[in-house]
Amino acid sequence: LLVNCETPNTNEKFDISGNYTLDLNGCTLKGRLYLSKTSTSLTVKDSGTGGKIQATSGWSPLWVDGGDVTIESGTLATEKDTVQALVFGQEAACGTLTITGGSFKTGYVQIGRTGGTTVITGGAFHDLRVNGDSKRVTLSGGTFDTVKRYNGSTIAPTDLLADGYTFVDRGTGAEVSTSQAAALTNVRV
């Protein structure tokens, strides 16, 4: 991006299916980005400072039904904490979601329902919601206000962690019990 901009109608999905890198470059893109089942790949990064994809009303800034997505940096922002900041894995056409950085400090990230795999090695999350039946999620980094199951079977936090990793309290650095099936709060990997 060269300047702040918005999709033609910020209340409708804007299909960006294809093979793209979106460099926010410190700018704000307002709208609802969508990747269809035929999408190939999208990389989101911010080579500037403060770049974000800002959804309006109760919409998600990025909804993925297919392809691979990599988020390196930048912010996916919602207007409300009660809506999805990112949805991935709802459809079998989803490939791999890789999150190495970025901020999801409003709304929640919903992953792992039907398709795709998710690998998170970094990033700052308000709320991460994982389908309880998913064995396709691997965490080896990131900070989380909340990590919990959104659907499916009960999920234990150890089911999400890469080998050799654990959840620790962000305030104390103490290891958090991973035998529990309840939501975790204020943790990092």
N, C-alpha and C. Protein backbone atom coordinates (compact mmCIF):
# COMPACT_ATOMS: atom_id res chain seq x y z
N LEU A 1 0.84 -1.18 0.00
CA LEU A 1 0.00 0.00 0.00
C LEU A 1 0.88 1.24 0.00
N LEU A 2 0.40 2.25 -0.69
CA LEU A 2 1.11 3.53 -0.72
C LEU A 2 0.42 4.57 0.13
N VAL A 3 -0.89 4.39 0.36
CA VAL A 3 -1.69 5.31 1.17
C VAL A 3 -2.78 4.50 1.87
N ASN A 4 -3.41 5.09 2.87
CA ASN A 4 -4.58 4.47 3.49
C ASN A 4 -5.67 4.34 2.42
N CYS A 5 -6.40 3.22 2.44
CA CYS A 5 -7.43 3.01 1.43
C CYS A 5 -8.50 2.07 1.98
N GLU A 6 -9.55 1.86 1.20
CA GLU A 6 -10.60 0.93 1.60
C GLU A 6 -11.12 0.19 0.38
N THR A 7 -11.73 -0.97 0.65
CA THR A 7 -12.32 -1.75 -0.42
C THR A 7 -13.55 -1.01 -0.95
N PRO A 8 -14.04 -1.35 -2.16
CA PRO A 8 -15.17 -0.61 -2.74
C PRO A 8 -16.40 -0.52 -1.82
N ASN A 9 -16.73 -1.58 -1.11
CA ASN A 9 -17.83 -1.55 -0.15
C ASN A 9 -17.33 -2.29 1.09
N THR A 10 -17.04 -1.58 2.14
CA THR A 10 -16.42 -2.19 3.33
C THR A 10 -17.34 -3.16 4.06
N ASN A 11 -18.61 -3.20 3.68
CA ASN A 11 -19.54 -4.15 4.30
C ASN A 11 -19.73 -5.42 3.48
N GLU A 12 -19.04 -5.53 2.34
CA GLU A 12 -19.11 -6.73 1.51
C GLU A 12 -17.74 -7.36 1.41
N LYS A 13 -17.72 -8.70 1.24
CA LYS A 13 -16.46 -9.41 1.05
C LYS A 13 -15.75 -8.86 -0.19
N PHE A 14 -14.44 -8.69 -0.07
CA PHE A 14 -13.62 -8.28 -1.20
C PHE A 14 -12.69 -9.44 -1.51
N ASP A 15 -12.96 -10.14 -2.60
CA ASP A 15 -12.24 -11.36 -2.95
C ASP A 15 -10.86 -11.02 -3.49
N ILE A 16 -9.84 -11.46 -2.78
CA ILE A 16 -8.46 -11.24 -3.22
C ILE A 16 -7.78 -12.56 -3.54
N SER A 17 -8.58 -13.54 -3.96
CA SER A 17 -8.05 -14.86 -4.29
C SER A 17 -7.00 -14.75 -5.39
N GLY A 18 -5.97 -15.53 -5.25
CA GLY A 18 -4.87 -15.53 -6.20
C GLY A 18 -3.57 -15.83 -5.47
N ASN A 19 -2.50 -15.23 -5.93
CA ASN A 19 -1.18 -15.42 -5.35
C ASN A 19 -0.59 -14.03 -5.12
N TYR A 20 -0.70 -13.52 -3.86
CA TYR A 20 -0.34 -12.14 -3.57
C TYR A 20 0.50 -11.99 -2.31
N THR A 21 1.27 -10.90 -2.29
CA THR A 21 1.86 -10.40 -1.06
C THR A 21 1.26 -9.02 -0.82
N LEU A 22 0.68 -8.83 0.34
CA LEU A 22 0.09 -7.55 0.71
C LEU A 22 1.01 -6.91 1.74
N ASP A 23 1.76 -5.90 1.31
CA ASP A 23 2.63 -5.15 2.22
C ASP A 23 1.86 -3.92 2.67
N LEU A 24 1.49 -3.89 3.93
CA LEU A 24 0.70 -2.78 4.46
C LEU A 24 1.50 -1.48 4.49
N ASN A 25 2.81 -1.57 4.59
CA ASN A 25 3.70 -0.42 4.46
C ASN A 25 3.31 0.74 5.39
N GLY A 26 2.85 0.40 6.61
CA GLY A 26 2.48 1.43 7.57
C GLY A 26 1.11 2.05 7.33
N CYS A 27 0.39 1.56 6.35
CA CYS A 27 -0.92 2.13 5.99
C CYS A 27 -2.06 1.24 6.50
N THR A 28 -3.28 1.76 6.43
CA THR A 28 -4.47 1.03 6.83
C THR A 28 -5.32 0.71 5.62
N LEU A 29 -5.70 -0.55 5.50
CA LEU A 29 -6.65 -1.00 4.49
C LEU A 29 -7.94 -1.33 5.21
N LYS A 30 -9.00 -0.61 4.91
CA LYS A 30 -10.28 -0.84 5.58
C LYS A 30 -11.16 -1.71 4.69
N GLY A 31 -11.68 -2.82 5.27
CA GLY A 31 -12.57 -3.69 4.50
C GLY A 31 -12.58 -5.11 5.01
N ARG A 32 -13.22 -5.99 4.23
CA ARG A 32 -13.38 -7.42 4.53
C ARG A 32 -12.68 -8.22 3.44
N LEU A 33 -11.46 -8.65 3.66
CA LEU A 33 -10.74 -9.43 2.66
C LEU A 33 -11.17 -10.89 2.74
N TYR A 34 -11.27 -11.51 1.56
CA TYR A 34 -11.76 -12.88 1.47
C TYR A 34 -10.91 -13.67 0.49
N LEU A 35 -10.55 -14.90 0.87
CA LEU A 35 -9.87 -15.83 -0.03
C LEU A 35 -10.82 -17.00 -0.29
N SER A 36 -11.16 -17.23 -1.55
CA SER A 36 -12.10 -18.28 -1.92
C SER A 36 -11.41 -19.65 -1.90
N LYS A 37 -12.19 -20.68 -2.14
CA LYS A 37 -11.68 -22.06 -2.16
C LYS A 37 -10.66 -22.26 -3.27
N THR A 38 -10.65 -21.40 -4.27
CA THR A 38 -9.71 -21.53 -5.38
C THR A 38 -8.45 -20.69 -5.21
N SER A 39 -8.32 -20.01 -4.08
CA SER A 39 -7.16 -19.16 -3.85
C SER A 39 -5.88 -19.99 -3.73
N THR A 40 -4.73 -19.40 -4.05
CA THR A 40 -3.46 -20.10 -3.92
C THR A 40 -2.67 -19.64 -2.71
N SER A 41 -2.34 -18.35 -2.62
CA SER A 41 -1.59 -17.92 -1.44
C SER A 41 -1.67 -16.41 -1.23
N LEU A 42 -1.57 -16.04 0.04
CA LEU A 42 -1.52 -14.64 0.45
C LEU A 42 -0.50 -14.51 1.56
N THR A 43 0.40 -13.53 1.43
CA THR A 43 1.31 -13.18 2.50
C THR A 43 0.98 -11.75 2.92
N VAL A 44 0.82 -11.54 4.23
CA VAL A 44 0.56 -10.22 4.78
C VAL A 44 1.77 -9.81 5.60
N LYS A 45 2.29 -8.61 5.32
CA LYS A 45 3.41 -8.09 6.09
C LYS A 45 3.29 -6.58 6.17
N ASP A 46 4.06 -5.99 7.06
CA ASP A 46 4.08 -4.54 7.21
C ASP A 46 5.53 -4.10 7.24
N SER A 47 6.01 -3.57 6.12
CA SER A 47 7.40 -3.10 6.07
C SER A 47 7.54 -1.73 6.72
N GLY A 48 6.41 -1.11 7.10
CA GLY A 48 6.41 0.15 7.81
C GLY A 48 6.09 -0.08 9.27
N THR A 49 5.45 0.89 9.89
CA THR A 49 5.05 0.80 11.29
C THR A 49 3.57 1.12 11.40
N GLY A 50 2.82 0.27 12.09
CA GLY A 50 1.41 0.54 12.34
C GLY A 50 0.46 0.14 11.23
N GLY A 51 0.93 -0.62 10.24
CA GLY A 51 0.06 -1.04 9.15
C GLY A 51 -0.99 -2.03 9.63
N LYS A 52 -2.23 -1.91 9.09
CA LYS A 52 -3.28 -2.83 9.52
C LYS A 52 -4.36 -3.00 8.47
N ILE A 53 -5.06 -4.11 8.62
CA ILE A 53 -6.29 -4.36 7.89
C ILE A 53 -7.39 -4.16 8.92
N GLN A 54 -8.24 -3.18 8.70
CA GLN A 54 -9.27 -2.79 9.66
C GLN A 54 -10.64 -3.16 9.11
N ALA A 55 -11.32 -4.06 9.82
CA ALA A 55 -12.69 -4.41 9.44
C ALA A 55 -13.66 -3.38 9.99
N THR A 56 -14.81 -3.28 9.36
CA THR A 56 -15.85 -2.37 9.83
C THR A 56 -16.98 -3.17 10.45
N SER A 57 -17.78 -2.52 11.25
CA SER A 57 -18.95 -3.12 11.90
C SER A 57 -18.59 -4.43 12.58
N GLY A 58 -19.35 -5.47 12.33
CA GLY A 58 -19.10 -6.77 12.95
C GLY A 58 -18.41 -7.75 12.03
N TRP A 59 -17.63 -7.24 11.07
CA TRP A 59 -17.01 -8.09 10.07
C TRP A 59 -15.60 -8.50 10.46
N SER A 60 -15.11 -9.52 9.76
CA SER A 60 -13.74 -10.01 9.92
C SER A 60 -12.84 -9.34 8.88
N PRO A 61 -11.63 -8.92 9.26
CA PRO A 61 -10.72 -8.34 8.27
C PRO A 61 -10.19 -9.37 7.27
N LEU A 62 -10.14 -10.67 7.67
CA LEU A 62 -9.65 -11.70 6.75
C LEU A 62 -10.36 -13.02 7.01
N TRP A 63 -11.05 -13.51 6.00
CA TRP A 63 -11.75 -14.79 6.05
C TRP A 63 -11.18 -15.66 4.94
N VAL A 64 -10.71 -16.86 5.30
CA VAL A 64 -10.03 -17.72 4.33
C VAL A 64 -10.80 -19.03 4.16
N ASP A 65 -11.23 -19.29 2.92
CA ASP A 65 -11.88 -20.56 2.59
C ASP A 65 -10.98 -21.48 1.78
N GLY A 66 -9.80 -20.99 1.35
CA GLY A 66 -8.90 -21.82 0.57
C GLY A 66 -7.53 -21.20 0.42
N GLY A 67 -6.55 -22.04 0.12
CA GLY A 67 -5.19 -21.59 -0.14
C GLY A 67 -4.34 -21.53 1.11
N ASP A 68 -3.14 -21.01 0.93
CA ASP A 68 -2.16 -20.85 2.01
C ASP A 68 -2.08 -19.38 2.39
N VAL A 69 -1.91 -19.13 3.68
CA VAL A 69 -1.78 -17.76 4.17
C VAL A 69 -0.57 -17.70 5.11
N THR A 70 0.24 -16.65 4.92
CA THR A 70 1.36 -16.38 5.82
C THR A 70 1.18 -14.96 6.35
N ILE A 71 1.22 -14.83 7.67
CA ILE A 71 1.16 -13.50 8.28
C ILE A 71 2.47 -13.28 9.01
N GLU A 72 3.23 -12.30 8.51
CA GLU A 72 4.55 -12.00 9.05
C GLU A 72 4.52 -10.84 10.04
N SER A 73 3.70 -9.84 9.74
CA SER A 73 3.61 -8.65 10.59
C SER A 73 2.37 -7.87 10.20
N GLY A 74 2.13 -6.78 10.91
CA GLY A 74 0.93 -5.99 10.68
C GLY A 74 -0.15 -6.38 11.67
N THR A 75 -1.28 -5.69 11.61
CA THR A 75 -2.39 -5.91 12.53
C THR A 75 -3.65 -6.24 11.76
N LEU A 76 -4.38 -7.25 12.22
CA LEU A 76 -5.73 -7.52 11.74
C LEU A 76 -6.65 -7.06 12.85
N ALA A 77 -7.44 -6.02 12.59
CA ALA A 77 -8.22 -5.37 13.63
C ALA A 77 -9.72 -5.43 13.35
N THR A 78 -10.48 -5.63 14.41
CA THR A 78 -11.94 -5.62 14.33
C THR A 78 -12.44 -4.44 15.15
N GLU A 79 -13.69 -4.07 14.94
CA GLU A 79 -14.27 -3.00 15.75
C GLU A 79 -14.81 -3.52 17.07
N LYS A 80 -15.03 -4.85 17.16
CA LYS A 80 -15.58 -5.47 18.37
C LYS A 80 -14.75 -6.69 18.75
N ASP A 81 -14.62 -6.94 20.05
CA ASP A 81 -13.90 -8.12 20.52
C ASP A 81 -14.66 -9.41 20.27
N THR A 82 -15.94 -9.32 19.95
CA THR A 82 -16.80 -10.49 19.82
C THR A 82 -16.89 -11.04 18.41
N VAL A 83 -16.05 -10.56 17.49
CA VAL A 83 -16.06 -11.06 16.11
C VAL A 83 -14.68 -11.60 15.74
N GLN A 84 -14.63 -12.33 14.64
CA GLN A 84 -13.40 -12.97 14.21
C GLN A 84 -12.45 -11.97 13.54
N ALA A 85 -11.20 -11.97 13.98
CA ALA A 85 -10.16 -11.18 13.32
C ALA A 85 -9.59 -11.96 12.14
N LEU A 86 -9.63 -13.28 12.24
CA LEU A 86 -9.12 -14.16 11.19
C LEU A 86 -9.83 -15.49 11.32
N VAL A 87 -10.33 -16.00 10.20
CA VAL A 87 -10.94 -17.33 10.17
C VAL A 87 -10.19 -18.15 9.14
N PHE A 88 -9.71 -19.33 9.56
CA PHE A 88 -8.96 -20.23 8.68
C PHE A 88 -9.30 -21.66 9.05
N GLY A 89 -9.49 -22.50 8.04
CA GLY A 89 -9.72 -23.93 8.30
C GLY A 89 -11.18 -24.32 8.31
N GLN A 90 -12.06 -23.41 7.95
CA GLN A 90 -13.49 -23.73 7.89
C GLN A 90 -13.79 -24.68 6.74
N GLU A 91 -12.96 -24.65 5.69
CA GLU A 91 -13.19 -25.45 4.49
C GLU A 91 -12.00 -26.36 4.21
N ALA A 92 -12.27 -27.50 3.58
CA ALA A 92 -11.22 -28.46 3.25
C ALA A 92 -10.20 -27.88 2.27
N ALA A 93 -10.56 -26.84 1.52
CA ALA A 93 -9.65 -26.23 0.54
C ALA A 93 -8.54 -25.40 1.19
N CYS A 94 -8.61 -25.20 2.51
CA CYS A 94 -7.55 -24.45 3.19
C CYS A 94 -6.27 -25.27 3.21
N GLY A 95 -5.16 -24.62 2.94
CA GLY A 95 -3.86 -25.28 2.94
C GLY A 95 -3.17 -25.11 4.28
N THR A 96 -2.21 -24.20 4.34
CA THR A 96 -1.45 -23.96 5.57
C THR A 96 -1.52 -22.48 5.95
N LEU A 97 -1.82 -22.24 7.22
CA LEU A 97 -1.76 -20.90 7.80
C LEU A 97 -0.49 -20.86 8.63
N THR A 98 0.40 -19.92 8.30
CA THR A 98 1.64 -19.75 9.04
C THR A 98 1.64 -18.33 9.61
N ILE A 99 1.74 -18.24 10.93
CA ILE A 99 1.79 -16.92 11.58
C ILE A 99 3.12 -16.82 12.31
N THR A 100 3.98 -15.90 11.83
CA THR A 100 5.29 -15.70 12.44
C THR A 100 5.34 -14.41 13.24
N GLY A 101 4.33 -13.57 13.08
CA GLY A 101 4.26 -12.29 13.78
C GLY A 101 2.92 -11.65 13.51
N GLY A 102 2.82 -10.40 13.89
CA GLY A 102 1.57 -9.68 13.69
C GLY A 102 0.78 -9.57 14.97
N SER A 103 -0.28 -8.78 14.89
CA SER A 103 -1.10 -8.52 16.06
C SER A 103 -2.57 -8.78 15.74
N PHE A 104 -3.21 -9.47 16.67
CA PHE A 104 -4.63 -9.78 16.59
C PHE A 104 -5.24 -9.39 17.94
N LYS A 105 -5.07 -8.13 18.33
CA LYS A 105 -5.40 -7.71 19.68
C LYS A 105 -6.87 -7.35 19.88
N THR A 106 -7.66 -7.40 18.83
CA THR A 106 -9.11 -7.28 18.97
C THR A 106 -9.72 -8.47 18.25
N GLY A 107 -10.91 -8.84 18.62
CA GLY A 107 -11.53 -9.99 17.99
C GLY A 107 -10.81 -11.27 18.34
N TYR A 108 -11.17 -12.34 17.63
CA TYR A 108 -10.52 -13.62 17.91
C TYR A 108 -10.11 -14.31 16.62
N VAL A 109 -9.08 -15.14 16.73
CA VAL A 109 -8.59 -15.94 15.62
C VAL A 109 -9.22 -17.32 15.78
N GLN A 110 -9.93 -17.76 14.75
CA GLN A 110 -10.64 -19.04 14.78
C GLN A 110 -10.00 -19.98 13.76
N ILE A 111 -9.48 -21.12 14.24
CA ILE A 111 -8.75 -22.02 13.34
C ILE A 111 -9.12 -23.48 13.56
N GLY A 112 -8.85 -24.29 12.51
CA GLY A 112 -8.84 -25.74 12.63
C GLY A 112 -10.15 -26.48 12.58
N ARG A 113 -11.15 -25.98 11.89
CA ARG A 113 -12.43 -26.71 11.91
C ARG A 113 -12.44 -27.92 10.98
N THR A 114 -12.28 -27.71 9.68
CA THR A 114 -12.44 -28.80 8.72
C THR A 114 -11.17 -29.08 7.93
N GLY A 115 -10.43 -28.03 7.61
CA GLY A 115 -9.29 -28.22 6.73
C GLY A 115 -8.09 -27.41 7.14
N GLY A 116 -7.00 -27.68 6.46
CA GLY A 116 -5.79 -26.91 6.64
C GLY A 116 -5.02 -27.25 7.90
N THR A 117 -3.79 -26.76 7.93
CA THR A 117 -2.95 -26.86 9.11
C THR A 117 -2.53 -25.45 9.50
N THR A 118 -2.29 -25.26 10.78
CA THR A 118 -1.87 -23.96 11.29
C THR A 118 -0.59 -24.12 12.09
N VAL A 119 0.38 -23.27 11.78
CA VAL A 119 1.64 -23.24 12.50
C VAL A 119 1.84 -21.81 13.00
N ILE A 120 1.90 -21.65 14.31
CA ILE A 120 2.09 -20.33 14.91
C ILE A 120 3.42 -20.31 15.64
N THR A 121 4.33 -19.43 15.19
CA THR A 121 5.63 -19.30 15.83
C THR A 121 5.81 -17.93 16.48
N GLY A 122 4.85 -17.04 16.31
CA GLY A 122 4.91 -15.71 16.90
C GLY A 122 3.59 -14.99 16.72
N GLY A 123 3.55 -13.77 17.22
CA GLY A 123 2.34 -12.96 17.11
C GLY A 123 1.73 -12.68 18.47
N ALA A 124 0.91 -11.63 18.53
CA ALA A 124 0.23 -11.23 19.76
C ALA A 124 -1.27 -11.39 19.54
N PHE A 125 -1.89 -12.29 20.31
CA PHE A 125 -3.28 -12.66 20.12
C PHE A 125 -4.14 -12.24 21.30
N HIS A 126 -5.29 -11.67 21.00
CA HIS A 126 -6.28 -11.40 22.05
C HIS A 126 -6.92 -12.73 22.45
N ASP A 127 -7.43 -13.47 21.49
CA ASP A 127 -8.19 -14.69 21.77
C ASP A 127 -7.94 -15.67 20.63
N LEU A 128 -7.38 -16.83 20.93
CA LEU A 128 -7.18 -17.89 19.95
C LEU A 128 -8.19 -18.98 20.24
N ARG A 129 -9.02 -19.31 19.25
CA ARG A 129 -10.03 -20.35 19.41
C ARG A 129 -9.74 -21.47 18.42
N VAL A 130 -9.57 -22.68 18.96
CA VAL A 130 -9.18 -23.84 18.17
C VAL A 130 -10.27 -24.89 18.23
N ASN A 131 -10.61 -25.46 17.08
CA ASN A 131 -11.58 -26.55 17.07
C ASN A 131 -11.01 -27.72 17.85
N GLY A 132 -11.80 -28.25 18.78
CA GLY A 132 -11.34 -29.32 19.65
C GLY A 132 -11.01 -30.62 18.95
N ASP A 133 -11.53 -30.82 17.75
CA ASP A 133 -11.24 -32.05 17.01
C ASP A 133 -10.01 -31.91 16.13
N SER A 134 -9.41 -30.74 16.13
CA SER A 134 -8.29 -30.47 15.24
C SER A 134 -6.97 -30.94 15.84
N LYS A 135 -6.25 -31.72 15.08
CA LYS A 135 -4.88 -32.09 15.42
C LYS A 135 -3.94 -31.44 14.42
N ARG A 136 -4.42 -30.37 13.76
CA ARG A 136 -3.69 -29.71 12.70
C ARG A 136 -3.13 -28.36 13.12
N VAL A 137 -2.98 -28.14 14.43
CA VAL A 137 -2.50 -26.86 14.95
C VAL A 137 -1.22 -27.11 15.75
N THR A 138 -0.19 -26.29 15.48
CA THR A 138 1.07 -26.41 16.20
C THR A 138 1.52 -25.03 16.65
N LEU A 139 1.72 -24.87 17.96
CA LEU A 139 2.19 -23.61 18.52
C LEU A 139 3.63 -23.77 19.03
N SER A 140 4.49 -22.84 18.62
CA SER A 140 5.85 -22.82 19.17
C SER A 140 6.27 -21.39 19.48
N GLY A 141 5.30 -20.51 19.59
CA GLY A 141 5.57 -19.11 19.93
C GLY A 141 4.26 -18.35 19.97
N GLY A 142 4.35 -17.09 20.40
CA GLY A 142 3.18 -16.23 20.47
C GLY A 142 2.79 -15.90 21.89
N THR A 143 2.06 -14.79 22.03
CA THR A 143 1.48 -14.40 23.31
C THR A 143 -0.03 -14.38 23.14
N PHE A 144 -0.75 -14.81 24.20
CA PHE A 144 -2.19 -15.01 24.09
C PHE A 144 -2.88 -14.51 25.35
N ASP A 145 -3.90 -13.64 25.15
CA ASP A 145 -4.74 -13.27 26.29
C ASP A 145 -5.59 -14.47 26.69
N THR A 146 -6.09 -15.21 25.69
CA THR A 146 -6.89 -16.41 25.94
C THR A 146 -6.63 -17.45 24.85
N VAL A 147 -6.54 -18.71 25.25
CA VAL A 147 -6.49 -19.84 24.32
C VAL A 147 -7.59 -20.79 24.76
N LYS A 148 -8.51 -21.11 23.83
CA LYS A 148 -9.60 -22.00 24.21
C LYS A 148 -10.17 -22.74 23.01
N ARG A 149 -10.99 -23.70 23.31
CA ARG A 149 -11.70 -24.50 22.32
C ARG A 149 -12.95 -23.72 21.91
N TYR A 150 -13.29 -23.73 20.61
CA TYR A 150 -14.52 -23.06 20.20
C TYR A 150 -15.58 -24.04 19.75
N ASN A 151 -15.21 -25.29 19.49
CA ASN A 151 -16.16 -26.26 18.98
C ASN A 151 -15.52 -27.64 19.08
N GLY A 152 -16.31 -28.68 18.92
CA GLY A 152 -15.75 -30.03 18.89
C GLY A 152 -15.44 -30.57 20.27
N SER A 153 -14.57 -31.57 20.31
CA SER A 153 -14.21 -32.25 21.55
C SER A 153 -13.42 -31.36 22.49
N THR A 154 -13.32 -31.77 23.74
CA THR A 154 -12.49 -31.07 24.71
C THR A 154 -11.05 -31.10 24.20
N ILE A 155 -10.36 -30.01 24.38
CA ILE A 155 -8.98 -29.93 23.91
C ILE A 155 -8.06 -29.56 25.08
N ALA A 156 -6.99 -30.30 25.22
CA ALA A 156 -5.99 -30.00 26.24
C ALA A 156 -4.91 -29.13 25.60
N PRO A 157 -4.38 -28.16 26.31
CA PRO A 157 -3.35 -27.28 25.75
C PRO A 157 -2.16 -28.02 25.17
N THR A 158 -1.79 -29.17 25.74
CA THR A 158 -0.64 -29.91 25.21
C THR A 158 -0.90 -30.39 23.79
N ASP A 159 -2.16 -30.53 23.41
CA ASP A 159 -2.49 -30.94 22.04
C ASP A 159 -2.07 -29.90 21.02
N LEU A 160 -1.88 -28.67 21.45
CA LEU A 160 -1.57 -27.57 20.54
C LEU A 160 -0.08 -27.29 20.42
N LEU A 161 0.70 -27.71 21.39
CA LEU A 161 2.11 -27.33 21.47
C LEU A 161 3.01 -28.22 20.62
N ALA A 162 3.99 -27.59 19.97
CA ALA A 162 5.03 -28.34 19.29
C ALA A 162 5.88 -29.05 20.35
N ASP A 163 6.53 -30.13 19.97
CA ASP A 163 7.39 -30.86 20.90
C ASP A 163 8.42 -29.93 21.52
N GLY A 164 8.57 -30.02 22.84
CA GLY A 164 9.56 -29.24 23.56
C GLY A 164 9.09 -27.86 24.00
N TYR A 165 7.85 -27.51 23.72
CA TYR A 165 7.32 -26.19 24.10
C TYR A 165 6.27 -26.32 25.19
N THR A 166 6.10 -25.23 25.93
CA THR A 166 5.11 -25.20 27.00
C THR A 166 4.49 -23.81 27.09
N PHE A 167 3.36 -23.73 27.76
CA PHE A 167 2.75 -22.44 28.05
C PHE A 167 3.31 -21.93 29.36
N VAL A 168 3.64 -20.62 29.40
CA VAL A 168 4.07 -20.00 30.65
C VAL A 168 3.22 -18.75 30.87
N ASP A 169 3.06 -18.39 32.14
CA ASP A 169 2.34 -17.18 32.51
C ASP A 169 3.14 -15.98 32.03
N ARG A 170 2.51 -15.03 31.36
CA ARG A 170 3.23 -13.87 30.83
C ARG A 170 3.74 -12.96 31.93
N GLY A 171 3.08 -12.95 33.07
CA GLY A 171 3.50 -12.09 34.16
C GLY A 171 4.64 -12.67 34.98
N THR A 172 4.54 -13.96 35.30
CA THR A 172 5.53 -14.58 36.21
C THR A 172 6.56 -15.43 35.50
N GLY A 173 6.26 -15.88 34.29
CA GLY A 173 7.17 -16.78 33.58
C GLY A 173 7.06 -18.21 34.05
N ALA A 174 6.16 -18.48 35.02
CA ALA A 174 5.99 -19.84 35.54
C ALA A 174 5.21 -20.69 34.55
N GLU A 175 5.61 -21.95 34.45
CA GLU A 175 4.92 -22.88 33.57
C GLU A 175 3.47 -23.04 34.01
N VAL A 176 2.58 -23.06 33.04
CA VAL A 176 1.15 -23.23 33.30
C VAL A 176 0.82 -24.70 33.12
N SER A 177 0.03 -25.24 34.01
CA SER A 177 -0.37 -26.64 33.92
C SER A 177 -1.03 -26.88 32.58
N THR A 178 -0.52 -27.85 31.83
CA THR A 178 -1.09 -28.14 30.52
C THR A 178 -1.97 -29.38 30.54
N SER A 179 -2.28 -29.86 31.74
CA SER A 179 -3.17 -31.02 31.81
C SER A 179 -4.63 -30.60 31.81
N GLN A 180 -4.87 -29.31 32.01
CA GLN A 180 -6.25 -28.84 32.07
C GLN A 180 -6.85 -28.71 30.67
N ALA A 181 -8.15 -28.82 30.61
CA ALA A 181 -8.85 -28.69 29.34
C ALA A 181 -9.56 -27.34 29.24
N ALA A 182 -9.48 -26.53 30.28
CA ALA A 182 -10.15 -25.23 30.30
C ALA A 182 -9.33 -24.21 29.53
N ALA A 183 -9.90 -23.04 29.31
CA ALA A 183 -9.19 -21.97 28.61
C ALA A 183 -7.99 -21.51 29.41
N LEU A 184 -6.94 -21.14 28.71
CA LEU A 184 -5.76 -20.55 29.33
C LEU A 184 -5.84 -19.04 29.17
N THR A 185 -5.35 -18.30 30.14
CA THR A 185 -5.35 -16.84 30.03
C THR A 185 -3.96 -16.30 30.34
N ASN A 186 -3.63 -15.18 29.67
CA ASN A 186 -2.39 -14.46 29.89
C ASN A 186 -1.15 -15.35 29.80
N VAL A 187 -1.01 -16.05 28.66
CA VAL A 187 0.11 -16.98 28.48
C VAL A 187 0.92 -16.65 27.24
N ARG A 188 2.12 -17.20 27.23
CA ARG A 188 2.95 -17.18 26.03
C ARG A 188 3.55 -18.56 25.85
N VAL A 189 3.96 -18.86 24.65
CA VAL A 189 4.58 -20.15 24.37
C VAL A 189 6.08 -19.96 24.34
